[in-house]
N, C-alpha and C. Protein backbone atom coordinates (compact mmCIF):
# COMPACT_ATOMS: atom_id res chain seq x y z
N UNK A 1 1.12 10.49 29.77
CA UNK A 1 1.32 9.19 29.32
C UNK A 1 2.15 9.41 27.51
N UNK A 2 3.33 9.00 27.52
CA UNK A 2 3.65 9.42 25.55
C UNK A 2 2.50 8.77 25.14
N UNK A 3 2.87 9.44 23.85
CA UNK A 3 2.01 8.48 22.70
C UNK A 3 3.33 7.75 21.67
N UNK A 4 2.53 6.48 21.79
CA UNK A 4 4.01 5.64 21.17
C UNK A 4 2.82 4.93 19.84
N UNK A 5 2.15 6.07 19.02
CA UNK A 5 1.93 6.10 18.08
C UNK A 5 2.77 5.41 16.74
N UNK A 6 2.70 4.34 15.80
CA UNK A 6 3.35 3.80 14.73
C UNK A 6 3.76 4.96 14.14
N UNK A 7 4.39 5.61 13.51
CA UNK A 7 4.72 6.28 12.64
C UNK A 7 3.97 5.92 11.18
N UNK A 8 4.08 6.58 10.18
CA UNK A 8 3.07 6.28 9.22
C UNK A 8 3.76 5.10 8.22
N UNK A 9 3.09 4.13 7.67
CA UNK A 9 3.07 2.61 6.86
C UNK A 9 3.85 3.42 5.66
N UNK A 10 4.62 2.59 4.87
CA UNK A 10 5.03 3.34 3.59
C UNK A 10 4.36 2.20 2.59
N UNK A 11 3.42 2.31 2.04
CA UNK A 11 3.00 1.54 0.85
C UNK A 11 3.18 2.21 -0.81
N UNK A 12 3.84 0.94 -1.18
CA UNK A 12 4.08 1.13 -2.64
C UNK A 12 3.70 0.53 -3.84
N UNK A 13 2.69 1.56 -4.52
CA UNK A 13 1.91 0.67 -5.39
C UNK A 13 2.61 0.71 -6.77
N UNK A 14 3.39 -0.43 -7.43
CA UNK A 14 3.52 -0.56 -8.83
C UNK A 14 2.52 -0.54 -9.84
N UNK A 15 2.18 -0.06 -10.27
CA UNK A 15 0.72 0.29 -11.08
C UNK A 15 1.67 0.20 -13.09
N UNK A 16 -0.01 -0.67 -13.35
CA UNK A 16 0.62 -0.97 -14.90
C UNK A 16 -0.29 -0.04 -16.10
N UNK A 17 -0.05 0.07 -17.17
CA UNK A 17 -1.07 1.49 -17.62
C UNK A 17 -2.39 0.58 -18.06
N UNK A 18 -3.19 1.20 -17.54
CA UNK A 18 -4.33 0.94 -18.49
C UNK A 18 -4.88 -0.28 -17.37
N UNK A 19 -4.91 -0.21 -16.36
CA UNK A 19 -4.99 -0.53 -14.79
C UNK A 19 -6.28 -0.55 -14.69
N UNK A 20 -7.46 -1.59 -14.31
CA UNK A 20 -8.88 -1.05 -13.72
C UNK A 20 -8.58 -1.80 -11.94
N UNK A 21 -7.33 -2.66 -11.90
CA UNK A 21 -7.33 -3.13 -10.64
C UNK A 21 -6.07 -2.34 -9.58
N UNK A 22 -5.40 -1.56 -10.44
CA UNK A 22 -4.49 -0.43 -9.86
C UNK A 22 -5.68 0.74 -9.91
N UNK A 23 -6.35 1.55 -10.14
CA UNK A 23 -7.53 2.50 -10.26
C UNK A 23 -8.18 2.11 -8.54
N UNK A 24 -8.52 0.95 -8.66
CA UNK A 24 -9.27 0.22 -7.79
C UNK A 24 -8.20 0.31 -6.55
N UNK A 25 -6.69 -0.22 -6.34
CA UNK A 25 -6.23 0.13 -5.28
C UNK A 25 -5.65 1.73 -4.52
N UNK A 26 -5.58 2.22 -5.65
CA UNK A 26 -5.33 3.64 -5.50
C UNK A 26 -6.67 4.22 -4.43
N UNK A 27 -7.58 3.90 -5.30
CA UNK A 27 -9.39 4.80 -4.50
C UNK A 27 -8.91 3.73 -3.32
N UNK A 28 -8.40 2.93 -2.84
CA UNK A 28 -9.07 1.77 -1.60
C UNK A 28 -7.71 2.21 -0.75
N UNK A 29 -6.79 2.89 -1.12
CA UNK A 29 -5.89 3.64 -0.26
C UNK A 29 -5.75 4.57 0.09
N UNK A 30 -6.89 5.47 -0.70
CA UNK A 30 -6.94 6.96 -0.49
C UNK A 30 -8.14 6.54 1.01
N UNK A 31 -8.75 5.73 0.54
CA UNK A 31 -9.97 5.72 1.63
C UNK A 31 -9.18 5.48 2.90
N UNK A 32 -8.58 4.34 3.17
CA UNK A 32 -7.47 3.75 4.36
C UNK A 32 -6.58 5.22 5.04
N UNK A 33 -6.37 5.69 4.22
CA UNK A 33 -5.15 6.73 4.38
C UNK A 33 -6.27 7.56 5.58
N UNK A 34 -7.64 8.10 5.59
CA UNK A 34 -8.71 8.40 6.23
C UNK A 34 -8.36 7.92 8.46
N UNK A 35 -8.18 6.82 8.08
CA UNK A 35 -8.14 6.17 9.47
C UNK A 35 -7.06 5.66 9.71
N UNK A 36 -5.96 5.01 8.65
CA UNK A 36 -4.39 5.07 9.18
C UNK A 36 -3.53 5.95 7.94
N UNK A 37 -2.53 6.04 8.85
CA UNK A 37 -1.35 7.04 8.91
C UNK A 37 -0.47 6.12 7.68
N UNK A 38 -0.59 6.00 6.44
CA UNK A 38 0.41 5.90 5.32
C UNK A 38 0.54 7.10 4.22
N UNK A 39 1.77 6.91 4.02
CA UNK A 39 2.26 7.17 2.89
C UNK A 39 2.43 6.31 1.62
N UNK A 40 2.00 6.44 0.70
CA UNK A 40 1.70 5.92 -0.53
C UNK A 40 2.22 6.50 -1.66
N UNK A 41 3.45 5.44 -2.34
CA UNK A 41 3.83 6.23 -3.31
C UNK A 41 3.83 5.22 -4.34
N UNK A 42 3.43 5.80 -5.70
CA UNK A 42 3.02 5.38 -6.80
C UNK A 42 4.10 5.16 -7.49
N UNK A 43 5.00 3.88 -8.19
CA UNK A 43 5.60 3.25 -9.36
C UNK A 43 4.83 3.27 -10.59
N UNK A 44 5.57 3.31 -11.47
CA UNK A 44 5.14 2.86 -13.44
C UNK A 44 6.05 1.43 -13.31
N UNK A 45 5.65 0.78 -13.33
CA UNK A 45 6.06 -0.59 -13.84
C UNK A 45 7.12 -0.65 -14.81
N UNK A 46 6.51 0.35 -15.79
CA UNK A 46 7.50 0.60 -16.71
C UNK A 46 8.91 1.41 -16.92
N UNK A 47 9.02 1.70 -15.16
CA UNK A 47 9.87 2.86 -15.08
C UNK A 47 11.22 2.08 -14.25
N UNK A 48 12.49 1.96 -14.40
CA UNK A 48 13.47 1.65 -13.59
C UNK A 48 13.53 1.27 -12.20
N UNK A 49 12.32 1.88 -11.16
CA UNK A 49 12.23 1.49 -9.79
C UNK A 49 11.35 0.29 -9.99
N UNK A 50 10.36 0.41 -11.22
CA UNK A 50 9.25 -0.28 -10.99
C UNK A 50 9.87 -1.64 -11.70
N UNK A 51 10.43 -1.74 -13.06
CA UNK A 51 11.25 -3.07 -13.35
C UNK A 51 11.92 -3.60 -11.88
N UNK A 52 13.05 -2.83 -11.47
CA UNK A 52 13.40 -3.97 -10.61
C UNK A 52 12.23 -4.63 -9.85
N UNK A 53 11.32 -3.79 -9.17
CA UNK A 53 10.48 -4.32 -7.91
C UNK A 53 9.69 -5.32 -8.60
N UNK A 54 9.66 -5.27 -9.97
CA UNK A 54 8.69 -6.73 -10.71
C UNK A 54 8.95 -7.57 -10.38
N UNK A 55 10.57 -7.93 -10.89
CA UNK A 55 12.21 -8.25 -11.28
C UNK A 55 12.43 -8.94 -9.80
N UNK A 56 12.10 -8.49 -8.79
CA UNK A 56 12.39 -8.95 -7.31
C UNK A 56 11.25 -9.60 -6.76
N UNK A 57 10.06 -9.79 -7.26
CA UNK A 57 8.80 -10.05 -6.47
C UNK A 57 8.08 -10.73 -7.32
N UNK A 58 8.12 -10.61 -8.60
CA UNK A 58 7.55 -11.46 -9.44
C UNK A 58 5.87 -11.53 -9.42
N UNK A 59 4.97 -9.89 -9.58
CA UNK A 59 3.99 -10.75 -9.35
C UNK A 59 3.08 -10.92 -9.86
N UNK A 60 2.10 -11.88 -9.79
CA UNK A 60 1.39 -12.70 -10.89
C UNK A 60 0.38 -11.23 -11.41
N UNK A 61 -0.28 -10.41 -10.99
CA UNK A 61 -0.86 -9.39 -11.96
C UNK A 61 -0.53 -8.11 -11.01
N UNK A 62 -0.96 -7.04 -11.93
CA UNK A 62 -0.75 -6.06 -11.36
C UNK A 62 -1.59 -5.34 -10.47
N UNK A 63 -1.90 -4.44 -9.37
CA UNK A 63 -0.53 -4.00 -8.92
C UNK A 63 0.02 -4.88 -7.91
N UNK A 64 1.50 -4.57 -7.85
CA UNK A 64 2.21 -5.02 -6.60
C UNK A 64 2.56 -3.86 -5.61
N UNK A 65 1.58 -4.86 -5.10
CA UNK A 65 1.68 -3.48 -3.71
C UNK A 65 2.91 -4.41 -2.37
N UNK A 66 3.61 -3.30 -2.17
CA UNK A 66 4.76 -3.23 -1.25
C UNK A 66 3.39 -2.86 0.65
N UNK A 67 4.38 -3.31 1.30
CA UNK A 67 3.95 -2.83 2.48
C UNK A 67 5.15 -2.67 3.58
N UNK A 68 5.98 -1.56 3.91
CA UNK A 68 7.88 -1.40 4.32
C UNK A 68 7.93 -1.84 3.83
N UNK A 69 8.28 -2.09 2.17
CA UNK A 69 8.99 -2.48 1.26
C UNK A 69 9.20 -4.11 1.54
N UNK A 70 8.51 -4.56 1.87
CA UNK A 70 7.96 -6.00 2.03
C UNK A 70 6.45 -6.20 0.90
N UNK A 71 6.65 -7.83 0.19
CA UNK A 71 5.39 -7.86 -0.75
C UNK A 71 4.20 -7.58 0.13
N UNK A 72 2.99 -7.54 -0.35
CA UNK A 72 1.71 -7.32 0.65
C UNK A 72 0.73 -8.24 -0.28
N UNK A 73 0.38 -7.26 -1.75
CA UNK A 73 -0.43 -8.54 -2.30
C UNK A 73 0.35 -8.07 -3.99
N UNK A 74 -0.67 -9.04 -4.63
CA UNK A 74 -0.28 -8.55 -6.45
C UNK A 74 -2.21 -8.99 -6.86
N UNK A 75 -1.90 -7.90 -7.82
CA UNK A 75 -3.52 -8.02 -8.67
C UNK A 75 -4.66 -7.42 -7.35
N UNK A 76 -5.90 -7.58 -7.26
CA UNK A 76 -6.63 -6.97 -6.69
C UNK A 76 -6.06 -6.61 -5.13
N UNK A 77 -6.20 -5.59 -4.42
CA UNK A 77 -5.51 -5.04 -3.01
C UNK A 77 -6.91 -5.79 -2.26
N UNK A 78 -6.79 -6.93 -1.24
CA UNK A 78 -7.67 -7.44 -0.29
C UNK A 78 -7.31 -6.33 0.59
N UNK A 79 -8.73 -5.31 0.61
CA UNK A 79 -8.62 -4.53 1.94
C UNK A 79 -8.58 -4.88 3.15
N UNK A 80 -9.50 -5.89 3.48
CA UNK A 80 -9.39 -6.23 4.80
C UNK A 80 -8.64 -6.65 5.43
N UNK A 81 -7.75 -7.30 4.64
CA UNK A 81 -6.50 -7.56 4.94
C UNK A 81 -5.18 -6.39 5.33
N UNK A 82 -5.14 -5.46 4.60
CA UNK A 82 -4.58 -4.61 4.65
C UNK A 82 -4.78 -3.71 6.01
N UNK A 83 -6.31 -3.54 6.23
CA UNK A 83 -7.14 -3.10 7.08
C UNK A 83 -6.26 -3.58 8.44
N UNK A 84 -6.49 -4.76 8.38
CA UNK A 84 -6.22 -5.81 9.78
C UNK A 84 -4.36 -5.49 10.08
N UNK A 85 -3.41 -5.67 9.13
CA UNK A 85 -2.50 -5.34 9.34
C UNK A 85 -1.97 -4.24 9.46
N UNK A 86 -2.97 -3.13 9.21
CA UNK A 86 -2.07 -1.99 9.26
C UNK A 86 -2.25 -1.63 11.01
N UNK A 87 -3.35 -2.51 11.52
CA UNK A 87 -4.47 -2.04 12.96
C UNK A 87 -3.20 -2.75 13.71
N UNK A 88 -2.69 -3.76 13.47
CA UNK A 88 -1.63 -4.44 14.08
C UNK A 88 -0.68 -4.18 14.19
N UNK A 89 -0.17 -3.18 13.00
CA UNK A 89 0.93 -2.68 13.34
C UNK A 89 0.89 -1.57 14.66
N UNK A 90 0.04 -0.93 14.38
CA UNK A 90 -0.48 -0.04 15.64
C UNK A 90 -0.81 1.30 14.35
N UNK A 91 -0.76 1.21 13.41
CA UNK A 91 -0.55 2.57 12.39
C UNK A 91 -2.46 3.14 12.44
N UNK A 92 -2.28 3.81 13.51
CA UNK A 92 -3.94 4.18 13.70
C UNK A 92 -3.71 5.85 13.53
N UNK A 93 -4.64 6.55 13.20
CA UNK A 93 -4.78 7.77 13.05
C UNK A 93 -5.41 8.08 14.23
N UNK A 94 -4.93 9.00 15.73
CA UNK A 94 -5.73 9.44 16.79
C UNK A 94 -7.22 9.92 16.58
N UNK A 95 -8.17 9.55 17.41
CA UNK A 95 -9.32 9.87 16.90
C UNK A 95 -8.94 11.93 17.57
N UNK A 96 -9.89 12.49 16.81
CA UNK A 96 -10.01 13.83 17.34
C UNK A 96 -11.63 14.16 18.55
N UNK A 97 -10.89 14.89 19.62
CA UNK A 97 -11.97 15.09 20.54
C UNK A 97 -12.32 16.14 20.52
């Protein structure tokens, strides 16, 4: 049977300087990457790309988190919601036996 595992989910974190919620989001994503094939891109909010993303999505708080290019959250990253979403997308790392 062919493996139909979903390719890695692309998660973009637009972070601000001295942002503890940004640090928490990065730590959470590092933990989630153990069970889900995710690719995380960190973008500084003051960079040209970061400013464009902030202007487009207008987050209330940092960090702005995008999942496959779409708004997912701003402020504290909702870990359980992200886990459920990744599982629903089928983005699971196969267990090694």
